[in-house]
Amino acid sequence: MKRQKRDRLERAQSKGYQAGLTGKAKECCPYHESDTRAQWLGGWRTAVDDRVSHFGGK
């Protein structure tokens, strides 16, 4: 995989993680392309799981 593509996907995942931590809904995903959208949603899911496990679901 090209570095440029990998960086774009890593950035999408990071942005999704940040969105999940701040409590944004997954419908707020700004990406439409399947690869970047999947990465963003993956980051978002991880953040939501981390938030639930860290704060006990609150």
PDB file of N, CA and C in Angstrom:
ATOM      1  N   MET A   1       0.848  -1.175   0.000  1.00  0.00           N
ATOM      2  CA  MET A   1       0.000   0.000   0.000  1.00  0.00           C
ATOM      3  C   MET A   1       0.892   1.236   0.000  1.00  0.00           C
ATOM      4  N   LYS A   2       0.508   2.209  -0.779  1.00  0.00           N
ATOM      5  CA  LYS A   2       1.286   3.429  -0.851  1.00  0.00           C
ATOM      6  C   LYS A   2       1.202   4.187   0.461  1.00  0.00           C
ATOM      7  N   ARG A   3       2.301   4.864   0.786  1.00  0.00           N
ATOM      8  CA  ARG A   3       2.344   5.616   2.036  1.00  0.00           C
ATOM      9  C   ARG A   3       1.252   6.683   2.085  1.00  0.00           C
ATOM     10  N   GLN A   4       1.043   7.372   0.962  1.00  0.00           N
ATOM     11  CA  GLN A   4       0.044   8.430   0.929  1.00  0.00           C
ATOM     12  C   GLN A   4      -1.350   7.882   1.266  1.00  0.00           C
ATOM     13  N   LYS A   5      -1.698   6.737   0.713  1.00  0.00           N
ATOM     14  CA  LYS A   5      -2.999   6.129   0.986  1.00  0.00           C
ATOM     15  C   LYS A   5      -3.076   5.690   2.446  1.00  0.00           C
ATOM     16  N   ARG A   6      -1.997   5.099   2.953  1.00  0.00           N
ATOM     17  CA  ARG A   6      -1.978   4.655   4.336  1.00  0.00           C
ATOM     18  C   ARG A   6      -2.153   5.844   5.283  1.00  0.00           C
ATOM     19  N   ASP A   7      -1.464   6.948   5.008  1.00  0.00           N
ATOM     20  CA  ASP A   7      -1.589   8.137   5.848  1.00  0.00           C
ATOM     21  C   ASP A   7      -3.025   8.656   5.861  1.00  0.00           C
ATOM     22  N   ARG A   8      -3.669   8.649   4.697  1.00  0.00           N
ATOM     23  CA  ARG A   8      -5.056   9.117   4.587  1.00  0.00           C
ATOM     24  C   ARG A   8      -5.970   8.230   5.418  1.00  0.00           C
ATOM     25  N   LEU A   9      -5.755   6.931   5.366  1.00  0.00           N
ATOM     26  CA  LEU A   9      -6.593   5.997   6.129  1.00  0.00           C
ATOM     27  C   LEU A   9      -6.325   6.106   7.621  1.00  0.00           C
ATOM     28  N   GLU A  10      -5.059   6.290   7.985  1.00  0.00           N
ATOM     29  CA  GLU A  10      -4.723   6.459   9.405  1.00  0.00           C
ATOM     30  C   GLU A  10      -5.346   7.736   9.951  1.00  0.00           C
ATOM     31  N   ARG A  11      -5.324   8.790   9.140  1.00  0.00           N
ATOM     32  CA  ARG A  11      -5.920  10.058   9.558  1.00  0.00           C
ATOM     33  C   ARG A  11      -7.432   9.905   9.727  1.00  0.00           C
ATOM     34  N   ALA A  12      -8.075   9.178   8.831  1.00  0.00           N
ATOM     35  CA  ALA A  12      -9.519   8.948   8.936  1.00  0.00           C
ATOM     36  C   ALA A  12      -9.844   8.183  10.218  1.00  0.00           C
ATOM     37  N   GLN A  13      -9.042   7.181  10.530  1.00  0.00           N
ATOM     38  CA  GLN A  13      -9.287   6.409  11.751  1.00  0.00           C
ATOM     39  C   GLN A  13      -9.097   7.288  12.987  1.00  0.00           C
ATOM     40  N   SER A  14      -8.068   8.102  12.978  1.00  0.00           N
ATOM     41  CA  SER A  14      -7.808   9.000  14.099  1.00  0.00           C
ATOM     42  C   SER A  14      -8.943   9.997  14.285  1.00  0.00           C
ATOM     43  N   LYS A  15      -9.434  10.553  13.182  1.00  0.00           N
ATOM     44  CA  LYS A  15     -10.555  11.502  13.256  1.00  0.00           C
ATOM     45  C   LYS A  15     -11.820  10.808  13.768  1.00  0.00           C
ATOM     46  N   GLY A  16     -12.031   9.571  13.358  1.00  0.00           N
ATOM     47  CA  GLY A  16     -13.173   8.815  13.847  1.00  0.00           C
ATOM     48  C   GLY A  16     -13.061   8.522  15.333  1.00  0.00           C
ATOM     49  N   TYR A  17     -11.851   8.214  15.766  1.00  0.00           N
ATOM     50  CA  TYR A  17     -11.620   7.952  17.188  1.00  0.00           C
ATOM     51  C   TYR A  17     -11.937   9.205  18.009  1.00  0.00           C
ATOM     52  N   GLN A  18     -11.438  10.341  17.550  1.00  0.00           N
ATOM     53  CA  GLN A  18     -11.709  11.598  18.256  1.00  0.00           C
ATOM     54  C   GLN A  18     -13.207  11.900  18.301  1.00  0.00           C
ATOM     55  N   ALA A  19     -13.896  11.642  17.201  1.00  0.00           N
ATOM     56  CA  ALA A  19     -15.340  11.874  17.154  1.00  0.00           C
ATOM     57  C   ALA A  19     -16.066  10.961  18.145  1.00  0.00           C
ATOM     58  N   GLY A  20     -15.620   9.721  18.228  1.00  0.00           N
ATOM     59  CA  GLY A  20     -16.240   8.784  19.157  1.00  0.00           C
ATOM     60  C   GLY A  20     -16.005   9.174  20.608  1.00  0.00           C
ATOM     61  N   LEU A  21     -14.827   9.680  20.896  1.00  0.00           N
ATOM     62  CA  LEU A  21     -14.528  10.107  22.264  1.00  0.00           C
ATOM     63  C   LEU A  21     -15.368  11.296  22.697  1.00  0.00           C
ATOM     64  N   THR A  22     -15.654  12.163  21.758  1.00  0.00           N
ATOM     65  CA  THR A  22     -16.432  13.353  22.101  1.00  0.00           C
ATOM     66  C   THR A  22     -17.935  13.103  22.061  1.00  0.00           C
ATOM     67  N   GLY A  23     -18.344  11.873  21.712  1.00  0.00           N
ATOM     68  CA  GLY A  23     -19.753  11.516  21.751  1.00  0.00           C
ATOM     69  C   GLY A  23     -20.534  11.797  20.485  1.00  0.00           C
ATOM     70  N   LYS A  24     -19.836  12.063  19.382  1.00  0.00           N
ATOM     71  CA  LYS A  24     -20.549  12.300  18.125  1.00  0.00           C
ATOM     72  C   LYS A  24     -21.154  11.002  17.613  1.00  0.00           C
ATOM     73  N   ALA A  25     -22.256  11.126  16.906  1.00  0.00           N
ATOM     74  CA  ALA A  25     -22.936   9.966  16.323  1.00  0.00           C
ATOM     75  C   ALA A  25     -22.164   9.472  15.102  1.00  0.00           C
ATOM     76  N   LYS A  26     -22.285   8.190  14.826  1.00  0.00           N
ATOM     77  CA  LYS A  26     -21.568   7.635  13.672  1.00  0.00           C
ATOM     78  C   LYS A  26     -22.087   8.203  12.359  1.00  0.00           C
ATOM     79  N   GLU A  27     -23.287   8.751  12.355  1.00  0.00           N
ATOM     80  CA  GLU A  27     -23.835   9.375  11.157  1.00  0.00           C
ATOM     81  C   GLU A  27     -23.097  10.659  10.798  1.00  0.00           C
ATOM     82  N   CYS A  28     -22.264  11.152  11.693  1.00  0.00           N
ATOM     83  CA  CYS A  28     -21.479  12.367  11.446  1.00  0.00           C
ATOM     84  C   CYS A  28     -20.231  12.089  10.614  1.00  0.00           C
ATOM     85  N   CYS A  29     -20.047  10.865  10.184  1.00  0.00           N
ATOM     86  CA  CYS A  29     -18.872  10.511   9.389  1.00  0.00           C
ATOM     87  C   CYS A  29     -18.817  11.376   8.133  1.00  0.00           C
ATOM     88  N   PRO A  30     -17.713  12.097   7.936  1.00  0.00           N
ATOM     89  CA  PRO A  30     -17.616  13.006   6.789  1.00  0.00           C
ATOM     90  C   PRO A  30     -17.170  12.327   5.493  1.00  0.00           C
ATOM     91  N   TYR A  31     -16.829  11.047   5.557  1.00  0.00           N
ATOM     92  CA  TYR A  31     -16.284  10.362   4.392  1.00  0.00           C
ATOM     93  C   TYR A  31     -17.360   9.566   3.654  1.00  0.00           C
ATOM     94  N   HIS A  32     -17.218   9.514   2.340  1.00  0.00           N
ATOM     95  CA  HIS A  32     -18.168   8.768   1.507  1.00  0.00           C
ATOM     96  C   HIS A  32     -17.504   7.596   0.811  1.00  0.00           C
ATOM     97  N   GLU A  33     -16.207   7.681   0.602  1.00  0.00           N
ATOM     98  CA  GLU A  33     -15.466   6.585  -0.031  1.00  0.00           C
ATOM     99  C   GLU A  33     -15.392   5.414   0.951  1.00  0.00           C
ATOM    100  N   SER A  34     -15.585   4.206   0.453  1.00  0.00           N
ATOM    101  CA  SER A  34     -15.737   3.044   1.334  1.00  0.00           C
ATOM    102  C   SER A  34     -14.518   2.787   2.222  1.00  0.00           C
ATOM    103  N   ASP A  35     -13.308   2.907   1.689  1.00  0.00           N
ATOM    104  CA  ASP A  35     -12.111   2.638   2.495  1.00  0.00           C
ATOM    105  C   ASP A  35     -11.971   3.619   3.652  1.00  0.00           C
ATOM    106  N   THR A  36     -12.065   4.904   3.343  1.00  0.00           N
ATOM    107  CA  THR A  36     -11.894   5.906   4.394  1.00  0.00           C
ATOM    108  C   THR A  36     -13.068   5.892   5.366  1.00  0.00           C
ATOM    109  N   ARG A  37     -14.265   5.637   4.854  1.00  0.00           N
ATOM    110  CA  ARG A  37     -15.435   5.555   5.739  1.00  0.00           C
ATOM    111  C   ARG A  37     -15.291   4.387   6.715  1.00  0.00           C
ATOM    112  N   ALA A  38     -14.818   3.267   6.216  1.00  0.00           N
ATOM    113  CA  ALA A  38     -14.622   2.094   7.072  1.00  0.00           C
ATOM    114  C   ALA A  38     -13.578   2.371   8.154  1.00  0.00           C
ATOM    115  N   GLN A  39     -12.525   3.076   7.796  1.00  0.00           N
ATOM    116  CA  GLN A  39     -11.490   3.411   8.780  1.00  0.00           C
ATOM    117  C   GLN A  39     -12.034   4.367   9.830  1.00  0.00           C
ATOM    118  N   TRP A  40     -12.782   5.376   9.394  1.00  0.00           N
ATOM    119  CA  TRP A  40     -13.364   6.342  10.321  1.00  0.00           C
ATOM    120  C   TRP A  40     -14.299   5.632  11.293  1.00  0.00           C
ATOM    121  N   LEU A  41     -15.167   4.767  10.752  1.00  0.00           N
ATOM    122  CA  LEU A  41     -16.114   4.043  11.598  1.00  0.00           C
ATOM    123  C   LEU A  41     -15.403   3.079  12.543  1.00  0.00           C
ATOM    124  N   GLY A  42     -14.305   2.494  12.090  1.00  0.00           N
ATOM    125  CA  GLY A  42     -13.519   1.622  12.964  1.00  0.00           C
ATOM    126  C   GLY A  42     -12.938   2.397  14.134  1.00  0.00           C
ATOM    127  N   GLY A  43     -12.415   3.572  13.862  1.00  0.00           N
ATOM    128  CA  GLY A  43     -11.891   4.428  14.929  1.00  0.00           C
ATOM    129  C   GLY A  43     -12.999   4.868  15.872  1.00  0.00           C
ATOM    130  N   TRP A  44     -14.145   5.189  15.293  1.00  0.00           N
ATOM    131  CA  TRP A  44     -15.287   5.620  16.096  1.00  0.00           C
ATOM    132  C   TRP A  44     -15.740   4.501  17.040  1.00  0.00           C
ATOM    133  N   ARG A  45     -15.835   3.264  16.500  1.00  0.00           N
ATOM    134  CA  ARG A  45     -16.248   2.119  17.330  1.00  0.00           C
ATOM    135  C   ARG A  45     -15.263   1.866  18.466  1.00  0.00           C
ATOM    136  N   THR A  46     -13.984   1.945  18.163  1.00  0.00           N
ATOM    137  CA  THR A  46     -12.956   1.735  19.182  1.00  0.00           C
ATOM    138  C   THR A  46     -13.092   2.765  20.295  1.00  0.00           C
ATOM    139  N   ALA A  47     -13.304   4.012  19.918  1.00  0.00           N
ATOM    140  CA  ALA A  47     -13.444   5.077  20.916  1.00  0.00           C
ATOM    141  C   ALA A  47     -14.678   4.871  21.775  1.00  0.00           C
ATOM    142  N   VAL A  48     -15.777   4.485  21.143  1.00  0.00           N
ATOM    143  CA  VAL A  48     -17.012   4.250  21.903  1.00  0.00           C
ATOM    144  C   VAL A  48     -16.801   3.096  22.885  1.00  0.00           C
ATOM    145  N   ASP A  49     -16.157   2.023  22.430  1.00  0.00           N
ATOM    146  CA  ASP A  49     -15.854   0.897  23.323  1.00  0.00           C
ATOM    147  C   ASP A  49     -14.943   1.331  24.464  1.00  0.00           C
ATOM    148  N   ASP A  50     -13.926   2.122  24.148  1.00  0.00           N
ATOM    149  CA  ASP A  50     -13.006   2.619  25.178  1.00  0.00           C
ATOM    150  C   ASP A  50     -13.737   3.496  26.180  1.00  0.00           C
ATOM    151  N   ARG A  51     -14.609   4.347  25.675  1.00  0.00           N
ATOM    152  CA  ARG A  51     -15.365   5.245  26.547  1.00  0.00           C
ATOM    153  C   ARG A  51     -16.278   4.463  27.475  1.00  0.00           C
ATOM    154  N   VAL A  52     -16.946   3.460  26.942  1.00  0.00           N
ATOM    155  CA  VAL A  52     -17.865   2.648  27.747  1.00  0.00           C
ATOM    156  C   VAL A  52     -17.091   1.874  28.814  1.00  0.00           C
ATOM    157  N   SER A  53     -15.974   1.278  28.438  1.00  0.00           N
ATOM    158  CA  SER A  53     -15.209   0.492  29.406  1.00  0.00           C
ATOM    159  C   SER A  53     -14.515   1.381  30.431  1.00  0.00           C
ATOM    160  N   HIS A  54     -14.108   2.567  30.028  1.00  0.00           N
ATOM    161  CA  HIS A  54     -13.386   3.457  30.946  1.00  0.00           C
ATOM    162  C   HIS A  54     -14.333   4.186  31.914  1.00  0.00           C
ATOM    163  N   PHE A  55     -15.479   4.617  31.388  1.00  0.00           N
ATOM    164  CA  PHE A  55     -16.401   5.387  32.208  1.00  0.00           C
ATOM    165  C   PHE A  55     -17.592   4.582  32.691  1.00  0.00           C
ATOM    166  N   GLY A  56     -17.583   3.290  32.451  1.00  0.00           N
ATOM    167  CA  GLY A  56     -18.654   2.434  32.946  1.00  0.00           C
ATOM    168  C   GLY A  56     -19.990   2.683  32.262  1.00  0.00           C
ATOM    169  N   GLY A  57     -19.929   3.065  30.993  1.00  0.00           N
ATOM    170  CA  GLY A  57     -21.150   3.224  30.236  1.00  0.00           C
ATOM    171  C   GLY A  57     -21.777   4.603  30.323  1.00  0.00           C
ATOM    172  N   LYS A  58     -21.126   5.529  30.967  1.00  0.00           N
ATOM    173  CA  LYS A  58     -21.708   6.876  31.087  1.00  0.00           C
ATOM    174  C   LYS A  58     -21.043   7.825  30.138  1.00  0.00           C
TER     175      LYS A  58
END
